Amino acid sequence: MNNVFVYCEIEEGHVADVSQELLTKGRSLANELNCKLEAIAVGHNLDSIGEQIIPYGVDTLYIADDSRLYPYQTLPHTSIVVNLFKETKPQIALMGASSIGRDLGPRVSSALHSGLTADCTSLVIGDHFDKKQDKNYENLLYQIRPAFGGNIIATIINPDCRPQMATVREGVMKKEVLDPKYKGKIVKMDVAKYVNDEDFVVEIIERHMEQSKVNVKGAPIIVAGGYGVGSKENFKLLYDLAEVLGGEVGASRAAVDSGYAGHERQIGQTGITVRPKLYIACGISGQIQHRAGMEESAQIIAINTDPEAPINAIADYVITGDVAEIIPKMIKYYKKNSK
């Protein structure tokens, strides 16, 4: 049981961002464990998919290419991954905490009796001493995630079963190409060996997909509002500031639950994870659930009436005051100084 394995999601010939982020993390874990990084791509017309995967430092890429494997279907994808893992016996397997990963991950872990930690925010290699068995485990995967509604951070380990499986949400890890000319091996799988006819009992007749019109995750500047903004009308000030700065508007769960903003703008443990160049937190207290989705931002400005708000502990700049008074001043002076 040697290698680190990443399941790569493919949509319309492109590898999902979350998969590329996991490849980056997988490479660093593999370096630490002194083992190889492997990946699997399942779909159709994947002849050039290696160009999007191998530069992340992938030593072996397994490709299962069949017209019946795209778009994603639960049963055939599960059979392929389970049977490949039985052959290759990875010590670590990573998937995105997307709709696909959340469907596939539990099925694979159940079939292999391996266990699975969902929605991890950090993955670290470490040791563990079991007092009951008087046994020391080396080089385990610490699977770190918020628990009990985000009130604590739990570190989960899997000492005995393999692979150690985890899903990670998009945006949590950094995406970084290791070497555009990295030399990896491509193994084309004989799909017929890994699936049976029963796996294709479901036929997809038609698909309707609508791209999100809001791209909070990709924005370099985010103006985010919380319950402390006070009202949906006050939230319009955030849109004004975001427009002036060339950014997007985000929201905390409390703001979304109060109807101040749509769910697609929700940032945090139950929303999206962002890492913009500038994050302006307006009326956000900064509980751990929200911080899990934005604490990797390059620079954080907090605007809050509470000088003791938790968000202030991670902010680079703190402005204590009323959002309704401060934001118009920020817009005024930004326009004045940027002419």
C-alpha atoms as a PDB file:
ATOM      1  CA  MET A   1       0.000   0.000   0.000  1.00  0.00           C
ATOM      2  CA  ASN A   2       2.145   2.772  -1.304  1.00  0.00           C
ATOM      3  CA  ASN A   3       0.795   5.558  -3.381  1.00  0.00           C
ATOM      4  CA  VAL A   4      -1.404   8.636  -3.099  1.00  0.00           C
ATOM      5  CA  PHE A   5      -4.372   8.502  -5.474  1.00  0.00           C
ATOM      6  CA  VAL A   6      -6.633  11.303  -6.773  1.00  0.00           C
ATOM      7  CA  TYR A   7      -9.928  10.790  -8.589  1.00  0.00           C
ATOM      8  CA  CYS A   8     -10.197  13.478 -11.294  1.00  0.00           C
ATOM      9  CA  GLU A   9     -13.600  14.810 -12.264  1.00  0.00           C
ATOM     10  CA  ILE A  10     -14.008  15.523 -15.975  1.00  0.00           C
ATOM     11  CA  GLU A  11     -16.668  17.807 -17.440  1.00  0.00           C
ATOM     12  CA  GLU A  12     -16.735  18.573 -21.179  1.00  0.00           C
ATOM     13  CA  GLY A  13     -13.105  17.578 -21.583  1.00  0.00           C
ATOM     14  CA  HIS A  14     -11.859  19.729 -18.698  1.00  0.00           C
ATOM     15  CA  VAL A  15     -10.525  18.606 -15.330  1.00  0.00           C
ATOM     16  CA  ALA A  16     -12.442  20.199 -12.457  1.00  0.00           C
ATOM     17  CA  ASP A  17     -10.643  22.846 -10.399  1.00  0.00           C
ATOM     18  CA  VAL A  18     -11.139  20.831  -7.207  1.00  0.00           C
ATOM     19  CA  SER A  19      -9.361  17.853  -8.792  1.00  0.00           C
ATOM     20  CA  GLN A  20      -6.390  19.996  -9.818  1.00  0.00           C
ATOM     21  CA  GLU A  21      -6.238  21.414  -6.294  1.00  0.00           C
ATOM     22  CA  LEU A  22      -6.164  17.850  -4.932  1.00  0.00           C
ATOM     23  CA  LEU A  23      -3.422  16.892  -7.389  1.00  0.00           C
ATOM     24  CA  THR A  24      -1.317  19.742  -5.995  1.00  0.00           C
ATOM     25  CA  LYS A  25      -1.959  18.598  -2.435  1.00  0.00           C
ATOM     26  CA  GLY A  26      -1.483  14.962  -3.415  1.00  0.00           C
ATOM     27  CA  ARG A  27       1.942  15.738  -4.844  1.00  0.00           C
ATOM     28  CA  SER A  28       3.087  17.359  -1.595  1.00  0.00           C
ATOM     29  CA  LEU A  29       1.755  14.403   0.440  1.00  0.00           C
ATOM     30  CA  ALA A  30       3.485  11.943  -1.895  1.00  0.00           C
ATOM     31  CA  ASN A  31       6.770  13.850  -1.544  1.00  0.00           C
ATOM     32  CA  GLU A  32       6.475  13.697   2.242  1.00  0.00           C
ATOM     33  CA  LEU A  33       5.727   9.962   2.150  1.00  0.00           C
ATOM     34  CA  ASN A  34       8.384   9.329  -0.500  1.00  0.00           C
ATOM     35  CA  CYS A  35       5.886   7.594  -2.775  1.00  0.00           C
ATOM     36  CA  LYS A  36       4.243   8.155  -6.162  1.00  0.00           C
ATOM     37  CA  LEU A  37       1.210  10.249  -7.032  1.00  0.00           C
ATOM     38  CA  GLU A  38      -1.371   8.458  -9.151  1.00  0.00           C
ATOM     39  CA  ALA A  39      -4.647   9.641 -10.658  1.00  0.00           C
ATOM     40  CA  ILE A  40      -7.645   8.257 -12.499  1.00  0.00           C
ATOM     41  CA  ALA A  41      -9.772   9.923 -15.174  1.00  0.00           C
ATOM     42  CA  VAL A  42     -13.052   8.268 -16.184  1.00  0.00           C
ATOM     43  CA  GLY A  43     -15.089   9.492 -19.158  1.00  0.00           C
ATOM     44  CA  HIS A  44     -15.058   9.691 -22.946  1.00  0.00           C
ATOM     45  CA  ASN A  45     -12.709  11.253 -25.536  1.00  0.00           C
ATOM     46  CA  LEU A  46      -9.895  11.548 -23.003  1.00  0.00           C
ATOM     47  CA  ASP A  47      -6.963  11.298 -25.433  1.00  0.00           C
ATOM     48  CA  SER A  48      -5.501  14.664 -24.394  1.00  0.00           C
ATOM     49  CA  ILE A  49      -6.620  14.711 -20.757  1.00  0.00           C
ATOM     50  CA  GLY A  50      -3.103  13.830 -19.589  1.00  0.00           C
ATOM     51  CA  GLU A  51      -1.949  17.320 -20.587  1.00  0.00           C
ATOM     52  CA  GLN A  52      -4.213  18.754 -17.854  1.00  0.00           C
ATOM     53  CA  ILE A  53      -3.246  16.230 -15.162  1.00  0.00           C
ATOM     54  CA  ILE A  54       0.369  15.044 -15.460  1.00  0.00           C
ATOM     55  CA  PRO A  55       1.962  18.546 -15.108  1.00  0.00           C
ATOM     56  CA  TYR A  56       0.763  18.553 -11.483  1.00  0.00           C
ATOM     57  CA  GLY A  57       3.363  15.889 -10.759  1.00  0.00           C
ATOM     58  CA  VAL A  58       1.340  12.753 -11.525  1.00  0.00           C
ATOM     59  CA  ASP A  59       3.544   9.682 -11.961  1.00  0.00           C
ATOM     60  CA  THR A  60       0.823   7.351 -13.264  1.00  0.00           C
ATOM     61  CA  LEU A  61      -2.495   8.343 -14.834  1.00  0.00           C
ATOM     62  CA  TYR A  62      -5.113   5.645 -15.324  1.00  0.00           C
ATOM     63  CA  ILE A  63      -7.630   6.442 -18.077  1.00  0.00           C
ATOM     64  CA  ALA A  64     -10.971   4.650 -18.436  1.00  0.00           C
ATOM     65  CA  ASP A  65     -12.354   5.849 -21.792  1.00  0.00           C
ATOM     66  CA  ASP A  66     -15.756   4.644 -22.979  1.00  0.00           C
ATOM     67  CA  SER A  67     -18.755   6.423 -24.499  1.00  0.00           C
ATOM     68  CA  ARG A  68     -20.952   4.959 -21.733  1.00  0.00           C
ATOM     69  CA  LEU A  69     -18.829   6.584 -18.987  1.00  0.00           C
ATOM     70  CA  TYR A  70     -19.771  10.194 -19.767  1.00  0.00           C
ATOM     71  CA  PRO A  71     -21.626  11.905 -18.236  1.00  0.00           C
ATOM     72  CA  TYR A  72     -20.947  10.599 -14.724  1.00  0.00           C
ATOM     73  CA  GLN A  73     -23.018   7.651 -13.550  1.00  0.00           C
ATOM     74  CA  THR A  74     -22.793   6.167 -10.075  1.00  0.00           C
ATOM     75  CA  LEU A  75     -22.573   2.422 -10.768  1.00  0.00           C
ATOM     76  CA  PRO A  76     -19.935   2.176 -13.537  1.00  0.00           C
ATOM     77  CA  HIS A  77     -17.672   4.817 -11.989  1.00  0.00           C
ATOM     78  CA  THR A  78     -17.883   3.070  -8.624  1.00  0.00           C
ATOM     79  CA  SER A  79     -17.008  -0.313 -10.140  1.00  0.00           C
ATOM     80  CA  ILE A  80     -14.009   1.102 -12.002  1.00  0.00           C
ATOM     81  CA  VAL A  81     -12.580   2.942  -8.985  1.00  0.00           C
ATOM     82  CA  VAL A  82     -13.216   0.097  -6.528  1.00  0.00           C
ATOM     83  CA  ASN A  83     -11.630  -2.534  -8.767  1.00  0.00           C
ATOM     84  CA  LEU A  84      -8.662  -0.311  -9.603  1.00  0.00           C
ATOM     85  CA  PHE A  85      -8.064   0.414  -5.906  1.00  0.00           C
ATOM     86  CA  LYS A  86      -8.162  -3.322  -5.191  1.00  0.00           C
ATOM     87  CA  GLU A  87      -5.354  -3.729  -7.735  1.00  0.00           C
ATOM     88  CA  THR A  88      -3.209  -0.721  -6.876  1.00  0.00           C
ATOM     89  CA  LYS A  89      -3.874  -0.629  -3.098  1.00  0.00           C
ATOM     90  CA  PRO A  90      -3.289   3.112  -2.499  1.00  0.00           C
ATOM     91  CA  GLN A  91      -2.586   4.280   1.037  1.00  0.00           C
ATOM     92  CA  ILE A  92      -4.403   7.586   0.483  1.00  0.00           C
ATOM     93  CA  ALA A  93      -7.314   8.362  -1.870  1.00  0.00           C
ATOM     94  CA  LEU A  94      -8.653  11.886  -2.387  1.00  0.00           C
ATOM     95  CA  MET A  95     -11.815  13.162  -4.081  1.00  0.00           C
ATOM     96  CA  GLY A  96     -13.550  16.497  -4.382  1.00  0.00           C
ATOM     97  CA  ALA A  97     -16.445  17.187  -2.002  1.00  0.00           C
ATOM     98  CA  SER A  98     -18.596  17.953  -5.036  1.00  0.00           C
ATOM     99  CA  SER A  99     -21.882  16.357  -6.041  1.00  0.00           C
ATOM    100  CA  ILE A 100     -19.857  13.635  -7.790  1.00  0.00           C
ATOM    101  CA  GLY A 101     -17.357  13.085  -4.967  1.00  0.00           C
ATOM    102  CA  ARG A 102     -20.101  13.014  -2.350  1.00  0.00           C
ATOM    103  CA  ASP A 103     -21.859  10.306  -4.359  1.00  0.00           C
ATOM    104  CA  LEU A 104     -18.804   8.264  -5.340  1.00  0.00           C
ATOM    105  CA  GLY A 105     -16.661   8.525  -2.181  1.00  0.00           C
ATOM    106  CA  PRO A 106     -19.002   6.785   0.277  1.00  0.00           C
ATOM    107  CA  ARG A 107     -19.687   3.951  -2.179  1.00  0.00           C
ATOM    108  CA  VAL A 108     -15.996   3.302  -2.771  1.00  0.00           C
ATOM    109  CA  SER A 109     -15.107   3.470   0.928  1.00  0.00           C
ATOM    110  CA  SER A 110     -18.018   1.184   1.813  1.00  0.00           C
ATOM    111  CA  ALA A 111     -17.001  -1.406  -0.798  1.00  0.00           C
ATOM    112  CA  LEU A 112     -13.397  -1.351   0.461  1.00  0.00           C
ATOM    113  CA  HIS A 113     -14.337  -1.100   4.190  1.00  0.00           C
ATOM    114  CA  SER A 114     -11.946   1.827   4.470  1.00  0.00           C
ATOM    115  CA  GLY A 115     -13.888   4.702   6.037  1.00  0.00           C
ATOM    116  CA  LEU A 116     -14.144   8.236   4.683  1.00  0.00           C
ATOM    117  CA  THR A 117     -13.763  11.743   6.129  1.00  0.00           C
ATOM    118  CA  ALA A 118     -15.913  14.296   4.294  1.00  0.00           C
ATOM    119  CA  ASP A 119     -15.344  18.027   3.762  1.00  0.00           C
ATOM    120  CA  CYS A 120     -11.769  18.195   5.031  1.00  0.00           C
ATOM    121  CA  THR A 121     -10.203  21.631   5.319  1.00  0.00           C
ATOM    122  CA  SER A 122      -6.647  20.373   5.864  1.00  0.00           C
ATOM    123  CA  LEU A 123      -4.627  17.202   5.221  1.00  0.00           C
ATOM    124  CA  VAL A 124      -1.394  16.575   7.122  1.00  0.00           C
ATOM    125  CA  ILE A 125       0.949  13.602   7.569  1.00  0.00           C
ATOM    126  CA  GLY A 126       1.645  12.665  11.195  1.00  0.00           C
ATOM    127  CA  ASP A 127       2.145   9.863  13.727  1.00  0.00           C
ATOM    128  CA  HIS A 128      -0.184   8.413  16.346  1.00  0.00           C
ATOM    129  CA  PHE A 129       0.456   6.356  19.473  1.00  0.00           C
ATOM    130  CA  ASP A 130      -2.401   4.054  20.535  1.00  0.00           C
ATOM    131  CA  LYS A 131      -2.179   3.632  24.316  1.00  0.00           C
ATOM    132  CA  LYS A 132      -4.649   0.734  24.430  1.00  0.00           C
ATOM    133  CA  GLN A 133      -2.678  -1.346  21.942  1.00  0.00           C
ATOM    134  CA  ASP A 134       0.685   0.096  22.963  1.00  0.00           C
ATOM    135  CA  LYS A 135       1.336   0.590  19.275  1.00  0.00           C
ATOM    136  CA  ASN A 136       2.844   3.481  17.321  1.00  0.00           C
ATOM    137  CA  TYR A 137       1.477   4.335  13.883  1.00  0.00           C
ATOM    138  CA  GLU A 138       3.712   6.332  11.544  1.00  0.00           C
ATOM    139  CA  ASN A 139       2.855   8.466   8.531  1.00  0.00           C
ATOM    140  CA  LEU A 140      -0.903   8.525   8.971  1.00  0.00           C
ATOM    141  CA  LEU A 141      -3.106  11.020   7.139  1.00  0.00           C
ATOM    142  CA  TYR A 142      -4.524  13.558   9.591  1.00  0.00           C
ATOM    143  CA  GLN A 143      -7.925  14.375   8.104  1.00  0.00           C
ATOM    144  CA  ILE A 144      -8.888  17.723   9.609  1.00  0.00           C
ATOM    145  CA  ARG A 145     -12.407  19.173   9.405  1.00  0.00           C
ATOM    146  CA  PRO A 146     -14.868  21.296  11.377  1.00  0.00           C
ATOM    147  CA  ALA A 147     -17.270  19.227  13.530  1.00  0.00           C
ATOM    148  CA  PHE A 148     -20.324  19.758  15.731  1.00  0.00           C
ATOM    149  CA  GLY A 149     -21.656  22.539  13.541  1.00  0.00           C
ATOM    150  CA  GLY A 150     -18.205  24.044  13.171  1.00  0.00           C
ATOM    151  CA  ASN A 151     -17.755  24.636  16.881  1.00  0.00           C
ATOM    152  CA  ILE A 152     -14.617  22.483  17.041  1.00  0.00           C
ATOM    153  CA  ILE A 153     -11.934  21.350  14.628  1.00  0.00           C
ATOM    154  CA  ALA A 154     -11.660  17.556  14.579  1.00  0.00           C
ATOM    155  CA  THR A 155      -8.596  15.575  13.529  1.00  0.00           C
ATOM    156  CA  ILE A 156      -9.624  12.157  12.220  1.00  0.00           C
ATOM    157  CA  ILE A 157      -7.246   9.259  11.583  1.00  0.00           C
ATOM    158  CA  ASN A 158      -7.640   5.815  10.080  1.00  0.00           C
ATOM    159  CA  PRO A 159      -4.830   3.680  11.560  1.00  0.00           C
ATOM    160  CA  ASP A 160      -5.637   0.249  10.180  1.00  0.00           C
ATOM    161  CA  CYS A 161      -7.869   0.367   7.068  1.00  0.00           C
ATOM    162  CA  ARG A 162      -6.704   1.406   3.622  1.00  0.00           C
ATOM    163  CA  PRO A 163      -7.012   3.526   1.649  1.00  0.00           C
ATOM    164  CA  GLN A 164      -7.298   6.515   3.965  1.00  0.00           C
ATOM    165  CA  MET A 165     -10.051   8.369   2.107  1.00  0.00           C
ATOM    166  CA  ALA A 166     -11.035  12.023   2.282  1.00  0.00           C
ATOM    167  CA  THR A 167     -13.084  14.501   0.296  1.00  0.00           C
ATOM    168  CA  VAL A 168     -12.099  18.175   0.106  1.00  0.00           C
ATOM    169  CA  ARG A 169     -14.206  21.113  -1.037  1.00  0.00           C
ATOM    170  CA  GLU A 170     -13.237  23.290  -3.978  1.00  0.00           C
ATOM    171  CA  GLY A 171     -11.089  26.278  -3.054  1.00  0.00           C
ATOM    172  CA  VAL A 172      -9.676  24.838   0.170  1.00  0.00           C
ATOM    173  CA  MET A 173      -6.348  23.779  -1.372  1.00  0.00           C
ATOM    174  CA  LYS A 174      -4.089  25.786  -3.668  1.00  0.00           C
ATOM    175  CA  LYS A 175      -3.844  24.791  -7.337  1.00  0.00           C
ATOM    176  CA  GLU A 176      -0.278  24.851  -8.652  1.00  0.00           C
ATOM    177  CA  VAL A 177       1.313  23.159 -11.679  1.00  0.00           C
ATOM    178  CA  LEU A 178       4.528  21.413 -10.651  1.00  0.00           C
ATOM    179  CA  ASP A 179       6.238  21.207 -14.041  1.00  0.00           C
ATOM    180  CA  PRO A 180       4.616  21.677 -17.491  1.00  0.00           C
ATOM    181  CA  LYS A 181       7.061  19.074 -18.874  1.00  0.00           C
ATOM    182  CA  TYR A 182       6.652  16.525 -16.067  1.00  0.00           C
ATOM    183  CA  LYS A 183       7.015  12.962 -17.335  1.00  0.00           C
ATOM    184  CA  GLY A 184       4.275  10.636 -16.166  1.00  0.00           C
ATOM    185  CA  LYS A 185       3.046   7.279 -17.367  1.00  0.00           C
ATOM    186  CA  ILE A 186      -0.412   6.847 -18.901  1.00  0.00           C
ATOM    187  CA  VAL A 187      -2.183   3.510 -18.454  1.00  0.00           C
ATOM    188  CA  LYS A 188      -5.243   2.959 -20.646  1.00  0.00           C
ATOM    189  CA  MET A 189      -7.629   0.668 -18.818  1.00  0.00           C
ATOM    190  CA  ASP A 190      -9.628  -2.124 -20.415  1.00  0.00           C
ATOM    191  CA  VAL A 191     -13.030  -0.913 -19.238  1.00  0.00           C
ATOM    192  CA  ALA A 192     -14.685  -4.306 -19.840  1.00  0.00           C
ATOM    193  CA  LYS A 193     -12.492  -5.823 -17.083  1.00  0.00           C
ATOM    194  CA  TYR A 194     -13.716  -3.351 -14.478  1.00  0.00           C
ATOM    195  CA  VAL A 195     -17.468  -3.126 -15.134  1.00  0.00           C
ATOM    196  CA  ASN A 196     -20.340  -5.445 -15.936  1.00  0.00           C
ATOM    197  CA  ASP A 197     -23.580  -4.982 -17.891  1.00  0.00           C
ATOM    198  CA  GLU A 198     -25.607  -4.378 -14.716  1.00  0.00           C
ATOM    199  CA  ASP A 199     -23.599  -1.197 -14.086  1.00  0.00           C
ATOM    200  CA  PHE A 200     -25.280   0.401 -17.108  1.00  0.00           C
ATOM    201  CA  VAL A 201     -28.857  -0.285 -16.096  1.00  0.00           C
ATOM    202  CA  VAL A 202     -29.502   3.475 -15.962  1.00  0.00           C
ATOM    203  CA  GLU A 203     -29.468   5.429 -19.211  1.00  0.00           C
ATOM    204  CA  ILE A 204     -29.143   9.210 -19.278  1.00  0.00           C
ATOM    205  CA  ILE A 205     -31.515  10.465 -21.965  1.00  0.00           C
ATOM    206  CA  GLU A 206     -31.058  14.203 -21.592  1.00  0.00           C
ATOM    207  CA  ARG A 207     -29.057  16.677 -19.499  1.00  0.00           C
ATOM    208  CA  HIS A 208     -29.818  20.273 -18.639  1.00  0.00           C
ATOM    209  CA  MET A 209     -27.037  22.312 -17.059  1.00  0.00           C
ATOM    210  CA  GLU A 210     -27.078  25.987 -16.207  1.00  0.00           C
ATOM    211  CA  GLN A 211     -23.872  27.799 -15.399  1.00  0.00           C
ATOM    212  CA  SER A 212     -23.939  30.001 -12.320  1.00  0.00           C
ATOM    213  CA  LYS A 213     -24.152  33.682 -13.196  1.00  0.00           C
ATOM    214  CA  VAL A 214     -22.325  34.599  -9.977  1.00  0.00           C
ATOM    215  CA  ASN A 215     -18.588  33.924  -9.745  1.00  0.00           C
ATOM    216  CA  VAL A 216     -17.712  34.757  -6.153  1.00  0.00           C
ATOM    217  CA  LYS A 217     -14.982  32.106  -6.022  1.00  0.00           C
ATOM    218  CA  GLY A 218     -13.039  33.621  -8.930  1.00  0.00           C
ATOM    219  CA  ALA A 219     -13.245  37.252  -7.778  1.00  0.00           C
ATOM    220  CA  PRO A 220      -9.965  38.923  -6.740  1.00  0.00           C
ATOM    221  CA  ILE A 221     -11.881  41.250  -4.372  1.00  0.00           C
ATOM    222  CA  ILE A 222     -14.856  40.174  -2.278  1.00  0.00           C
ATOM    223  CA  VAL A 223     -17.096  42.453  -0.222  1.00  0.00           C
ATOM    224  CA  ALA A 224     -18.931  40.105   2.142  1.00  0.00           C
ATOM    225  CA  GLY A 225     -21.799  40.947   4.445  1.00  0.00           C
ATOM    226  CA  GLY A 226     -23.190  39.312   7.556  1.00  0.00           C
ATOM    227  CA  TYR A 227     -26.260  39.624   9.731  1.00  0.00           C
ATOM    228  CA  GLY A 228     -24.733  42.797  11.196  1.00  0.00           C
ATOM    229  CA  VAL A 229     -25.349  44.647   7.916  1.00  0.00           C
ATOM    230  CA  GLY A 230     -28.883  44.965   9.221  1.00  0.00           C
ATOM    231  CA  SER A 231     -31.159  44.689   6.191  1.00  0.00           C
ATOM    232  CA  LYS A 232     -31.450  43.764   2.533  1.00  0.00           C
ATOM    233  CA  GLU A 233     -31.500  47.491   1.735  1.00  0.00           C
ATOM    234  CA  ASN A 234     -28.179  48.029   3.550  1.00  0.00           C
ATOM    235  CA  PHE A 235     -26.762  45.095   1.587  1.00  0.00           C
ATOM    236  CA  LYS A 236     -27.063  47.251  -1.548  1.00  0.00           C
ATOM    237  CA  LEU A 237     -24.164  49.319  -0.164  1.00  0.00           C
ATOM    238  CA  LEU A 238     -21.960  46.215  -0.505  1.00  0.00           C
ATOM    239  CA  TYR A 239     -22.884  45.947  -4.188  1.00  0.00           C
ATOM    240  CA  ASP A 240     -21.982  49.612  -4.661  1.00  0.00           C
ATOM    241  CA  LEU A 241     -18.572  49.096  -3.045  1.00  0.00           C
ATOM    242  CA  ALA A 242     -17.935  45.896  -4.987  1.00  0.00           C
ATOM    243  CA  GLU A 243     -18.779  47.654  -8.248  1.00  0.00           C
ATOM    244  CA  VAL A 244     -16.365  50.496  -7.507  1.00  0.00           C
ATOM    245  CA  LEU A 245     -13.559  48.058  -6.566  1.00  0.00           C
ATOM    246  CA  GLY A 246     -14.232  45.615  -9.416  1.00  0.00           C
ATOM    247  CA  GLY A 247     -15.140  42.801  -7.053  1.00  0.00           C
ATOM    248  CA  GLU A 248     -18.020  40.500  -6.096  1.00  0.00           C
ATOM    249  CA  VAL A 249     -20.417  40.362  -3.166  1.00  0.00           C
ATOM    250  CA  GLY A 250     -20.377  37.450  -0.718  1.00  0.00           C
ATOM    251  CA  ALA A 251     -22.407  36.676   2.370  1.00  0.00           C
ATOM    252  CA  SER A 252     -22.299  34.754   5.618  1.00  0.00           C
ATOM    253  CA  ARG A 253     -24.830  32.022   6.353  1.00  0.00           C
ATOM    254  CA  ALA A 254     -26.682  34.292   8.773  1.00  0.00           C
ATOM    255  CA  ALA A 255     -27.097  36.908   6.039  1.00  0.00           C
ATOM    256  CA  VAL A 256     -28.343  34.309   3.550  1.00  0.00           C
ATOM    257  CA  ASP A 257     -30.741  32.800   6.100  1.00  0.00           C
ATOM    258  CA  SER A 258     -32.095  36.300   6.755  1.00  0.00           C
ATOM    259  CA  GLY A 259     -32.783  36.819   3.054  1.00  0.00           C
ATOM    260  CA  TYR A 260     -30.156  39.544   2.555  1.00  0.00           C
ATOM    261  CA  ALA A 261     -28.419  37.589  -0.252  1.00  0.00           C
ATOM    262  CA  GLY A 262     -28.833  34.453  -2.370  1.00  0.00           C
ATOM    263  CA  HIS A 263     -27.349  31.073  -1.382  1.00  0.00           C
ATOM    264  CA  GLU A 264     -24.945  31.137  -4.346  1.00  0.00           C
ATOM    265  CA  ARG A 265     -23.082  33.953  -2.534  1.00  0.00           C
ATOM    266  CA  GLN A 266     -22.712  32.085   0.769  1.00  0.00           C
ATOM    267  CA  ILE A 267     -19.130  31.767   2.008  1.00  0.00           C
ATOM    268  CA  GLY A 268     -18.115  29.396   4.776  1.00  0.00           C
ATOM    269  CA  GLN A 269     -18.322  25.803   5.905  1.00  0.00           C
ATOM    270  CA  THR A 270     -21.749  25.268   4.308  1.00  0.00           C
ATOM    271  CA  GLY A 271     -21.067  27.539   1.337  1.00  0.00           C
ATOM    272  CA  ILE A 272     -18.040  28.093  -0.902  1.00  0.00           C
ATOM    273  CA  THR A 273     -14.389  28.543   0.020  1.00  0.00           C
ATOM    274  CA  VAL A 274     -12.591  31.607  -1.353  1.00  0.00           C
ATOM    275  CA  ARG A 275      -9.071  32.989  -1.242  1.00  0.00           C
ATOM    276  CA  PRO A 276      -9.205  36.469  -2.871  1.00  0.00           C
ATOM    277  CA  LYS A 277      -6.501  39.117  -2.809  1.00  0.00           C
ATOM    278  CA  LEU A 278      -8.774  41.326  -0.676  1.00  0.00           C
ATOM    279  CA  TYR A 279     -11.680  40.287   1.558  1.00  0.00           C
ATOM    280  CA  ILE A 280     -13.783  43.033   3.144  1.00  0.00           C
ATOM    281  CA  ALA A 281     -15.962  41.557   5.915  1.00  0.00           C
ATOM    282  CA  CYS A 282     -18.890  43.846   6.717  1.00  0.00           C
ATOM    283  CA  GLY A 283     -20.994  43.133   9.791  1.00  0.00           C
ATOM    284  CA  ILE A 284     -19.625  39.583  10.053  1.00  0.00           C
ATOM    285  CA  SER A 285     -18.851  38.334  13.557  1.00  0.00           C
ATOM    286  CA  GLY A 286     -16.413  35.717  12.190  1.00  0.00           C
ATOM    287  CA  GLN A 287     -17.471  32.431  13.757  1.00  0.00           C
ATOM    288  CA  ILE A 288     -15.351  29.413  12.830  1.00  0.00           C
ATOM    289  CA  GLN A 289     -17.931  28.242  10.273  1.00  0.00           C
ATOM    290  CA  HIS A 290     -17.430  31.426   8.245  1.00  0.00           C
ATOM    291  CA  ARG A 291     -13.671  31.670   8.761  1.00  0.00           C
ATOM    292  CA  ALA A 292     -13.267  28.153   7.313  1.00  0.00           C
ATOM    293  CA  GLY A 293     -14.356  29.584   3.963  1.00  0.00           C
ATOM    294  CA  MET A 294     -12.229  32.754   3.798  1.00  0.00           C
ATOM    295  CA  GLU A 295      -9.288  32.712   6.224  1.00  0.00           C
ATOM    296  CA  GLU A 296      -6.816  32.032   3.381  1.00  0.00           C
ATOM    297  CA  SER A 297      -7.575  35.449   1.831  1.00  0.00           C
ATOM    298  CA  ALA A 298      -4.392  37.444   1.145  1.00  0.00           C
ATOM    299  CA  GLN A 299      -5.654  40.525   2.991  1.00  0.00           C
ATOM    300  CA  ILE A 300      -8.693  40.938   5.233  1.00  0.00           C
ATOM    301  CA  ILE A 301     -10.438  44.153   6.278  1.00  0.00           C
ATOM    302  CA  ALA A 302     -13.092  43.807   8.991  1.00  0.00           C
ATOM    303  CA  ILE A 303     -15.824  46.414   9.511  1.00  0.00           C
ATOM    304  CA  ASN A 304     -17.836  45.780  12.674  1.00  0.00           C
ATOM    305  CA  THR A 305     -19.469  47.631  15.533  1.00  0.00           C
ATOM    306  CA  ASP A 306     -18.080  45.044  17.981  1.00  0.00           C
ATOM    307  CA  PRO A 307     -14.370  45.638  18.740  1.00  0.00           C
ATOM    308  CA  GLU A 308     -14.191  42.107  20.218  1.00  0.00           C
ATOM    309  CA  ALA A 309     -15.636  40.319  17.162  1.00  0.00           C
ATOM    310  CA  PRO A 310     -13.766  37.038  16.374  1.00  0.00           C
ATOM    311  CA  ILE A 311     -13.183  38.191  12.770  1.00  0.00           C
ATOM    312  CA  ASN A 312     -10.832  40.880  14.123  1.00  0.00           C
ATOM    313  CA  ALA A 313      -8.361  38.209  15.254  1.00  0.00           C
ATOM    314  CA  ILE A 314      -7.571  37.222  11.644  1.00  0.00           C
ATOM    315  CA  ALA A 315      -8.093  40.639  10.003  1.00  0.00           C
ATOM    316  CA  ASP A 316      -5.147  42.691   8.735  1.00  0.00           C
ATOM    317  CA  TYR A 317      -7.115  45.907   9.266  1.00  0.00           C
ATOM    318  CA  VAL A 318     -10.034  46.494  11.645  1.00  0.00           C
ATOM    319  CA  ILE A 319     -12.532  49.344  11.294  1.00  0.00           C
ATOM    320  CA  THR A 320     -14.854  49.673  14.286  1.00  0.00           C
ATOM    321  CA  GLY A 321     -18.071  51.372  13.293  1.00  0.00           C
ATOM    322  CA  ASP A 322     -21.415  51.177  11.483  1.00  0.00           C
ATOM    323  CA  VAL A 323     -21.293  49.625   8.011  1.00  0.00           C
ATOM    324  CA  ALA A 324     -23.964  52.077   6.780  1.00  0.00           C
ATOM    325  CA  GLU A 325     -21.659  55.007   7.621  1.00  0.00           C
ATOM    326  CA  ILE A 326     -18.275  53.523   6.698  1.00  0.00           C
ATOM    327  CA  ILE A 327     -18.988  52.019   3.269  1.00  0.00           C
ATOM    328  CA  PRO A 328     -20.223  55.302   1.673  1.00  0.00           C
ATOM    329  CA  LYS A 329     -17.026  56.948   2.969  1.00  0.00           C
ATOM    330  CA  MET A 330     -14.900  54.146   1.493  1.00  0.00           C
ATOM    331  CA  ILE A 331     -16.620  54.588  -1.881  1.00  0.00           C
ATOM    332  CA  LYS A 332     -16.223  58.376  -1.723  1.00  0.00           C
ATOM    333  CA  TYR A 333     -12.509  58.346  -0.859  1.00  0.00           C
ATOM    334  CA  TYR A 334     -11.677  55.476  -3.233  1.00  0.00           C
ATOM    335  CA  LYS A 335     -13.220  57.412  -6.132  1.00  0.00           C
ATOM    336  CA  LYS A 336     -11.426  60.584  -5.014  1.00  0.00           C
ATOM    337  CA  ASN A 337      -8.005  58.919  -4.725  1.00  0.00           C
ATOM    338  CA  SER A 338      -8.223  56.771  -7.833  1.00  0.00           C
ATOM    339  CA  LYS A 339      -8.850  59.570 -10.306  1.00  0.00           C
END
